[in-house]
N, C-alpha and C. Protein backbone atom coordinates (compact mmCIF):
# COMPACT_ATOMS: atom_id res chain seq x y z
N MET A 1 16.62 1.81 16.32
CA MET A 1 15.51 2.46 15.66
C MET A 1 15.05 3.51 16.59
N TYR A 2 14.49 4.69 16.01
CA TYR A 2 13.95 5.69 16.87
C TYR A 2 12.93 6.53 16.11
N LEU A 3 11.95 7.12 16.74
CA LEU A 3 11.05 7.99 16.08
C LEU A 3 11.78 9.27 15.79
N SER A 4 11.81 9.59 14.44
CA SER A 4 12.65 10.63 13.95
C SER A 4 11.95 12.04 13.94
N TYR A 5 10.71 12.08 13.38
CA TYR A 5 10.00 13.27 13.23
C TYR A 5 8.61 13.10 12.97
N PHE A 6 7.77 14.17 13.13
CA PHE A 6 6.33 14.18 12.79
C PHE A 6 6.20 15.09 11.56
N GLY A 7 5.35 14.72 10.57
CA GLY A 7 5.03 15.50 9.40
C GLY A 7 3.62 15.87 9.51
N ILE A 8 3.32 17.18 9.35
CA ILE A 8 1.95 17.69 9.41
C ILE A 8 1.65 18.46 8.12
N ARG A 9 0.39 18.42 7.65
CA ARG A 9 0.05 19.09 6.47
C ARG A 9 -0.33 20.51 6.83
N VAL A 10 0.12 21.49 6.03
CA VAL A 10 -0.19 22.93 6.31
C VAL A 10 -0.74 23.52 5.01
N ARG A 11 -1.54 24.62 5.19
CA ARG A 11 -2.07 25.33 4.00
C ARG A 11 -1.17 26.46 3.58
N ASP A 12 -0.31 26.90 4.47
CA ASP A 12 0.63 28.05 4.03
C ASP A 12 1.91 27.71 4.72
N PRO A 13 2.96 27.18 4.04
CA PRO A 13 4.21 26.85 4.63
C PRO A 13 4.98 27.91 5.19
N VAL A 14 4.95 29.03 4.63
CA VAL A 14 5.66 30.28 5.06
C VAL A 14 5.01 30.71 6.44
N ARG A 15 3.72 30.79 6.49
CA ARG A 15 3.03 31.19 7.70
C ARG A 15 3.25 30.14 8.80
N ALA A 16 3.18 28.92 8.46
CA ALA A 16 3.38 27.78 9.41
C ALA A 16 4.79 27.86 9.95
N ALA A 17 5.78 27.99 9.08
CA ALA A 17 7.22 28.02 9.56
C ALA A 17 7.45 29.24 10.47
N ARG A 18 6.93 30.35 10.09
CA ARG A 18 7.05 31.52 10.99
C ARG A 18 6.39 31.28 12.34
N PHE A 19 5.21 30.69 12.35
CA PHE A 19 4.50 30.42 13.61
C PHE A 19 5.38 29.49 14.49
N TYR A 20 5.86 28.39 13.98
CA TYR A 20 6.66 27.43 14.83
C TYR A 20 8.09 28.00 15.16
N THR A 21 8.57 28.81 14.37
CA THR A 21 9.94 29.43 14.72
C THR A 21 9.81 30.58 15.69
N GLU A 22 8.82 31.42 15.47
CA GLU A 22 8.65 32.55 16.31
C GLU A 22 8.02 32.28 17.66
N VAL A 23 7.06 31.39 17.68
CA VAL A 23 6.28 31.10 18.95
C VAL A 23 7.02 30.05 19.75
N PHE A 24 7.48 28.94 19.12
CA PHE A 24 8.06 27.81 19.85
C PHE A 24 9.58 27.78 19.74
N GLY A 25 10.13 28.71 19.04
CA GLY A 25 11.68 28.66 18.97
C GLY A 25 12.33 27.53 18.16
N LEU A 26 11.50 26.87 17.31
CA LEU A 26 12.08 25.81 16.41
C LEU A 26 12.98 26.46 15.36
N LYS A 27 13.98 25.79 14.96
CA LYS A 27 14.92 26.28 13.99
C LYS A 27 14.72 25.56 12.64
N VAL A 28 14.88 26.34 11.57
CA VAL A 28 14.71 25.72 10.21
C VAL A 28 15.99 24.88 9.85
N VAL A 29 15.73 23.62 9.52
CA VAL A 29 16.79 22.78 9.02
C VAL A 29 16.89 22.75 7.51
N THR A 30 15.80 22.83 6.88
CA THR A 30 15.69 22.81 5.36
C THR A 30 16.62 23.77 4.74
N PRO A 31 17.51 23.37 3.85
CA PRO A 31 18.51 24.29 3.25
C PRO A 31 17.97 25.21 2.21
N ASP A 32 16.78 24.92 1.54
CA ASP A 32 16.33 25.75 0.49
C ASP A 32 15.69 27.05 0.98
N ASP A 33 15.38 27.88 0.13
CA ASP A 33 14.67 29.16 0.56
C ASP A 33 13.24 28.94 0.77
N TRP A 34 12.87 28.65 1.99
CA TRP A 34 11.49 28.35 2.41
C TRP A 34 10.65 29.60 2.58
N ARG A 35 11.31 30.78 2.52
CA ARG A 35 10.53 31.99 2.75
C ARG A 35 9.77 32.51 1.56
N THR A 36 9.98 31.99 0.45
CA THR A 36 9.28 32.42 -0.77
C THR A 36 7.93 31.73 -0.81
N PRO A 37 6.90 32.40 -1.24
CA PRO A 37 5.55 31.80 -1.27
C PRO A 37 5.59 30.61 -2.31
N PRO A 38 4.91 29.55 -1.97
CA PRO A 38 4.93 28.36 -2.84
C PRO A 38 4.13 28.66 -4.13
N GLY A 39 4.64 28.03 -5.18
CA GLY A 39 3.93 28.12 -6.45
C GLY A 39 3.10 26.86 -6.56
N GLU A 40 3.28 26.19 -7.68
CA GLU A 40 2.46 24.98 -7.94
C GLU A 40 3.25 23.79 -7.59
N GLU A 41 4.33 23.90 -6.78
CA GLU A 41 5.12 22.81 -6.37
C GLU A 41 4.84 22.48 -4.91
N ALA A 42 5.14 21.11 -4.53
CA ALA A 42 4.93 20.75 -3.11
C ALA A 42 6.11 21.51 -2.40
N ARG A 43 5.89 21.78 -1.13
CA ARG A 43 6.90 22.39 -0.28
C ARG A 43 7.10 21.58 0.99
N VAL A 44 8.34 21.46 1.44
CA VAL A 44 8.62 20.80 2.73
C VAL A 44 9.52 21.73 3.53
N VAL A 45 9.21 21.97 4.74
CA VAL A 45 10.02 22.81 5.60
C VAL A 45 10.30 21.88 6.83
N LEU A 46 11.53 21.60 7.11
CA LEU A 46 11.88 20.81 8.22
C LEU A 46 12.42 21.67 9.28
N LEU A 47 11.79 21.57 10.53
CA LEU A 47 12.13 22.38 11.68
C LEU A 47 12.62 21.39 12.78
N ARG A 48 13.51 21.99 13.62
CA ARG A 48 14.10 21.19 14.76
C ARG A 48 14.16 21.99 16.03
N ASP A 49 13.71 21.29 17.09
CA ASP A 49 13.67 21.88 18.50
C ASP A 49 15.10 21.85 18.96
N PRO A 50 15.77 23.07 19.19
CA PRO A 50 17.16 23.03 19.60
C PRO A 50 17.31 22.35 20.93
N GLU A 51 16.32 22.33 21.79
CA GLU A 51 16.48 21.81 23.18
C GLU A 51 16.26 20.29 23.21
N SER A 52 15.21 19.71 22.47
CA SER A 52 14.94 18.33 22.58
C SER A 52 15.56 17.55 21.38
N GLY A 53 15.76 18.24 20.23
CA GLY A 53 16.26 17.58 19.08
C GLY A 53 15.09 17.08 18.21
N GLN A 54 13.91 17.04 18.73
CA GLN A 54 12.74 16.56 18.01
C GLN A 54 12.54 17.48 16.68
N ARG A 55 12.03 16.81 15.72
CA ARG A 55 11.78 17.55 14.49
C ARG A 55 10.29 17.54 14.08
N LEU A 56 9.94 18.63 13.35
CA LEU A 56 8.66 18.74 12.73
C LEU A 56 8.69 19.12 11.35
N GLU A 57 8.06 18.36 10.50
CA GLU A 57 8.12 18.55 9.06
C GLU A 57 6.76 19.22 8.66
N LEU A 58 6.82 20.36 7.97
CA LEU A 58 5.64 21.05 7.49
C LEU A 58 5.50 20.71 6.03
N ASN A 59 4.43 20.06 5.60
CA ASN A 59 4.19 19.60 4.23
C ASN A 59 3.06 20.45 3.65
N TYR A 60 3.35 21.02 2.41
CA TYR A 60 2.37 21.85 1.70
C TYR A 60 2.20 21.16 0.37
N TYR A 61 0.95 20.93 -0.08
CA TYR A 61 0.66 20.32 -1.34
C TYR A 61 -0.33 21.22 -2.10
N PRO A 62 0.03 21.69 -3.18
CA PRO A 62 -0.87 22.64 -4.03
C PRO A 62 -1.91 21.68 -4.66
N ALA A 63 -3.00 22.39 -5.15
CA ALA A 63 -4.06 21.62 -5.74
C ALA A 63 -3.64 20.73 -6.95
N ALA A 64 -2.56 21.09 -7.65
CA ALA A 64 -2.07 20.28 -8.78
C ALA A 64 -1.25 19.03 -8.33
N SER A 65 -0.90 18.96 -7.09
CA SER A 65 -0.12 17.84 -6.62
C SER A 65 -1.04 16.54 -6.48
N PRO A 66 -0.38 15.42 -6.68
CA PRO A 66 -1.20 14.23 -6.41
C PRO A 66 -1.63 14.07 -4.95
N TYR A 67 -1.05 14.83 -4.08
CA TYR A 67 -1.48 14.81 -2.70
C TYR A 67 -2.31 15.93 -2.31
N GLY A 68 -2.65 16.87 -3.24
CA GLY A 68 -3.40 18.09 -2.97
C GLY A 68 -4.79 17.94 -2.84
N THR A 69 -5.27 17.13 -1.91
CA THR A 69 -6.66 16.89 -1.69
C THR A 69 -7.21 18.08 -0.86
N ALA A 70 -8.55 18.17 -0.79
CA ALA A 70 -9.16 19.26 -0.05
C ALA A 70 -8.71 19.14 1.40
N TYR A 71 -8.39 20.28 1.93
CA TYR A 71 -7.97 20.42 3.30
C TYR A 71 -9.07 20.27 4.32
N VAL A 72 -8.98 19.29 5.22
CA VAL A 72 -10.02 19.10 6.28
C VAL A 72 -9.37 19.44 7.58
N PRO A 73 -9.97 20.42 8.28
CA PRO A 73 -9.31 20.73 9.59
C PRO A 73 -9.28 19.53 10.54
N GLY A 74 -8.18 19.37 11.21
CA GLY A 74 -7.98 18.21 12.02
C GLY A 74 -7.28 17.02 11.42
N GLU A 75 -7.06 17.06 10.12
CA GLU A 75 -6.37 15.95 9.52
C GLU A 75 -4.96 16.31 9.12
N GLU A 76 -4.40 17.26 9.87
CA GLU A 76 -3.07 17.79 9.54
C GLU A 76 -1.98 16.72 9.62
N LEU A 77 -2.19 15.64 10.40
CA LEU A 77 -1.02 14.62 10.45
C LEU A 77 -0.89 14.05 9.08
N ASP A 78 0.31 14.18 8.54
CA ASP A 78 0.58 13.70 7.20
C ASP A 78 1.20 12.30 7.31
N HIS A 79 2.17 12.11 8.24
CA HIS A 79 2.77 10.76 8.43
C HIS A 79 3.75 10.82 9.61
N LEU A 80 4.06 9.64 10.07
CA LEU A 80 5.03 9.55 11.14
C LEU A 80 6.31 8.96 10.49
N ALA A 81 7.50 9.46 10.81
CA ALA A 81 8.72 9.00 10.27
C ALA A 81 9.63 8.29 11.28
N PHE A 82 10.13 7.13 10.88
CA PHE A 82 11.00 6.37 11.73
C PHE A 82 12.32 6.13 11.09
N HIS A 83 13.38 6.53 11.75
CA HIS A 83 14.75 6.22 11.27
C HIS A 83 14.94 4.77 11.66
N VAL A 84 15.27 3.85 10.69
CA VAL A 84 15.51 2.44 11.02
C VAL A 84 16.88 2.01 10.69
N ASP A 85 17.37 0.96 11.34
CA ASP A 85 18.72 0.54 11.13
C ASP A 85 18.81 -0.44 9.92
N HIS A 86 17.78 -1.24 9.72
CA HIS A 86 17.83 -2.26 8.58
C HIS A 86 16.39 -2.21 7.98
N LEU A 87 16.28 -1.41 6.90
CA LEU A 87 14.93 -1.30 6.25
C LEU A 87 14.40 -2.62 5.69
N ASP A 88 15.28 -3.33 5.09
CA ASP A 88 14.77 -4.65 4.53
C ASP A 88 14.23 -5.61 5.54
N ALA A 89 15.03 -5.70 6.64
CA ALA A 89 14.58 -6.60 7.74
C ALA A 89 13.23 -6.12 8.42
N LEU A 90 13.09 -4.78 8.54
CA LEU A 90 11.79 -4.30 9.05
C LEU A 90 10.75 -4.51 8.11
N LEU A 91 10.87 -4.39 6.84
CA LEU A 91 9.84 -4.62 5.86
C LEU A 91 9.39 -6.06 5.89
N LYS A 92 10.37 -7.01 6.12
CA LYS A 92 10.06 -8.39 6.28
C LYS A 92 9.14 -8.65 7.47
N THR A 93 9.43 -7.99 8.67
CA THR A 93 8.70 -8.08 9.86
C THR A 93 7.30 -7.62 9.56
N LEU A 94 7.12 -6.43 8.85
CA LEU A 94 5.83 -5.90 8.61
C LEU A 94 4.99 -6.78 7.66
N GLU A 95 5.63 -7.58 6.81
CA GLU A 95 4.83 -8.56 5.99
C GLU A 95 4.14 -9.52 6.86
N GLY A 96 4.64 -9.77 8.11
CA GLY A 96 3.97 -10.69 8.95
C GLY A 96 2.67 -10.08 9.47
N TRP A 97 2.59 -8.72 9.42
CA TRP A 97 1.33 -8.06 9.84
C TRP A 97 0.42 -7.82 8.59
N GLY A 98 0.89 -8.33 7.54
CA GLY A 98 0.02 -8.09 6.23
C GLY A 98 0.28 -6.73 5.65
N LEU A 99 1.42 -6.02 6.00
CA LEU A 99 1.64 -4.69 5.56
C LEU A 99 2.81 -4.71 4.59
N ARG A 100 2.66 -4.07 3.41
CA ARG A 100 3.72 -3.93 2.46
C ARG A 100 3.91 -2.46 2.06
N PRO A 101 5.06 -2.17 1.61
CA PRO A 101 5.31 -0.79 1.19
C PRO A 101 4.43 -0.37 0.08
N GLU A 102 3.95 0.91 0.07
CA GLU A 102 3.07 1.48 -0.93
C GLU A 102 3.96 2.13 -2.05
N ALA A 103 3.55 1.96 -3.28
CA ALA A 103 4.18 2.75 -4.37
C ALA A 103 3.66 4.17 -4.19
N MET A 104 4.65 5.13 -4.05
CA MET A 104 4.29 6.56 -3.88
C MET A 104 4.21 7.17 -5.24
N LYS A 105 3.41 8.21 -5.25
CA LYS A 105 3.23 8.98 -6.61
C LYS A 105 4.46 9.72 -7.06
N HIS A 106 5.41 10.03 -6.15
CA HIS A 106 6.56 10.70 -6.45
C HIS A 106 7.81 9.80 -6.51
N TYR A 107 7.61 8.55 -6.41
CA TYR A 107 8.67 7.51 -6.49
C TYR A 107 8.21 6.44 -7.54
N GLU A 108 9.22 5.85 -8.15
CA GLU A 108 8.84 4.82 -9.16
C GLU A 108 8.46 3.44 -8.56
N GLY A 109 8.98 3.15 -7.40
CA GLY A 109 8.66 1.80 -6.79
C GLY A 109 8.33 1.96 -5.32
N PRO A 110 8.08 0.82 -4.62
CA PRO A 110 7.73 0.92 -3.26
C PRO A 110 8.94 1.20 -2.31
N ILE A 111 10.13 0.98 -2.77
CA ILE A 111 11.27 1.44 -2.01
C ILE A 111 12.06 2.39 -2.86
N HIS A 112 12.42 3.57 -2.30
CA HIS A 112 13.10 4.56 -3.03
C HIS A 112 14.54 4.71 -2.53
N ASP A 113 15.54 4.63 -3.47
CA ASP A 113 16.86 4.88 -3.13
C ASP A 113 17.23 6.32 -3.49
N ALA A 114 17.70 7.06 -2.59
CA ALA A 114 18.11 8.48 -2.83
C ALA A 114 19.51 8.73 -2.31
N PRO A 115 20.08 9.78 -2.63
CA PRO A 115 21.41 10.06 -2.15
C PRO A 115 21.41 10.12 -0.61
N GLY A 116 22.08 9.21 0.03
CA GLY A 116 22.22 9.22 1.42
C GLY A 116 21.18 8.39 2.22
N TYR A 117 20.10 8.00 1.57
CA TYR A 117 19.10 7.21 2.35
C TYR A 117 18.24 6.43 1.36
N ARG A 118 17.54 5.41 2.07
CA ARG A 118 16.51 4.63 1.31
C ARG A 118 15.24 4.79 2.18
N VAL A 119 14.15 4.84 1.47
CA VAL A 119 12.83 5.09 2.17
C VAL A 119 11.74 4.20 1.54
N ALA A 120 10.78 3.86 2.45
CA ALA A 120 9.61 3.16 2.10
C ALA A 120 8.46 3.62 2.95
N TYR A 121 7.28 3.53 2.41
CA TYR A 121 6.07 4.07 3.14
C TYR A 121 5.08 2.85 3.28
N VAL A 122 4.63 2.68 4.51
CA VAL A 122 3.60 1.70 4.77
C VAL A 122 2.45 2.40 5.56
N ARG A 123 1.36 1.73 5.67
CA ARG A 123 0.26 2.23 6.56
C ARG A 123 0.16 1.28 7.77
N ASP A 124 0.00 1.93 8.91
CA ASP A 124 -0.16 1.04 10.09
C ASP A 124 -1.58 0.39 10.05
N PRO A 125 -1.90 -0.51 10.99
CA PRO A 125 -3.20 -1.18 10.89
C PRO A 125 -4.42 -0.27 10.93
N ASP A 126 -4.25 1.05 11.40
CA ASP A 126 -5.44 1.89 11.37
C ASP A 126 -5.27 2.89 10.15
N GLY A 127 -4.37 2.68 9.18
CA GLY A 127 -4.27 3.54 8.05
C GLY A 127 -3.38 4.77 8.14
N VAL A 128 -2.67 4.89 9.26
CA VAL A 128 -1.75 6.09 9.39
C VAL A 128 -0.52 5.77 8.59
N GLN A 129 -0.09 6.77 7.71
CA GLN A 129 1.08 6.55 6.93
C GLN A 129 2.32 6.65 7.70
N LEU A 130 3.27 5.64 7.48
CA LEU A 130 4.48 5.61 8.24
C LEU A 130 5.68 5.70 7.14
N GLU A 131 6.56 6.62 7.34
CA GLU A 131 7.72 6.69 6.53
C GLU A 131 8.83 5.99 7.24
N LEU A 132 9.52 5.00 6.56
CA LEU A 132 10.58 4.24 7.17
C LEU A 132 11.81 4.54 6.37
N PHE A 133 12.89 5.19 6.96
CA PHE A 133 14.04 5.42 6.23
C PHE A 133 15.29 4.93 6.90
N GLU A 134 16.18 4.56 6.09
CA GLU A 134 17.52 4.03 6.53
C GLU A 134 18.58 4.91 5.85
N THR A 135 19.43 5.42 6.67
CA THR A 135 20.57 6.28 6.12
C THR A 135 21.71 5.42 5.59
N VAL A 136 22.34 5.79 4.58
CA VAL A 136 23.48 5.07 4.01
C VAL A 136 24.75 5.60 4.74
N ARG A 137 25.48 4.67 5.29
CA ARG A 137 26.71 5.10 5.97
C ARG A 137 27.71 5.91 5.02
N GLY A 138 28.20 6.97 5.47
CA GLY A 138 29.15 7.69 4.70
C GLY A 138 28.60 8.73 3.69
N GLU A 139 27.25 8.74 3.64
CA GLU A 139 26.61 9.72 2.85
C GLU A 139 25.61 10.62 3.66
N ALA A 140 25.55 11.84 3.28
CA ALA A 140 24.72 12.79 3.93
C ALA A 140 23.36 12.81 3.20
N PRO A 141 22.28 12.50 3.89
CA PRO A 141 20.93 12.50 3.31
C PRO A 141 20.51 13.92 2.94
N LYS A 142 19.75 14.14 1.94
CA LYS A 142 19.14 15.39 1.54
C LYS A 142 18.20 15.85 2.72
N PHE A 143 18.20 17.16 3.06
CA PHE A 143 17.34 17.73 4.06
C PHE A 143 17.54 17.19 5.48
N ARG A 144 18.64 16.50 5.77
CA ARG A 144 18.79 15.85 7.04
C ARG A 144 19.90 16.57 7.85
N ASP A 145 19.67 16.70 9.13
CA ASP A 145 20.75 17.28 9.99
C ASP A 145 21.67 16.16 10.52
N GLU A 146 22.59 16.56 11.40
CA GLU A 146 23.63 15.72 11.85
C GLU A 146 23.07 14.47 12.69
N LYS A 147 21.95 14.59 13.29
CA LYS A 147 21.47 13.51 14.09
C LYS A 147 20.74 12.43 13.30
N TYR A 148 20.35 12.82 12.12
CA TYR A 148 19.58 11.83 11.24
C TYR A 148 20.46 10.60 11.03
């Protein structure tokens, strides 16, 4: 298991991506065209530090999104993501802490099976959202680079 990336909430994903790429030298991992201004859809731009390998995910939620709450300066941390070896075993451990996966608004159940990975979200004891994902051997996860 390892800490995979940090996700922060941004108000303008194009501006934020330019900032982190131009100022800090992060490289865009996301394969879609992130340079177009967002419309009414959520936007994710995944960046990677070429030196450390650490990733930063920029999350944009328009007002129409179920996550599009009023922006409060300082609340930019969206979630912490952990790549896990055995999602089901970890979820069992978390039950001992009284923590269960949350049903997310963009997934039908508390555990989401996607091409190349499985994902669940829980909140830590202080309420910080944690994304727990397990990659499926032999499949390439969407938006993920070779180290994922």
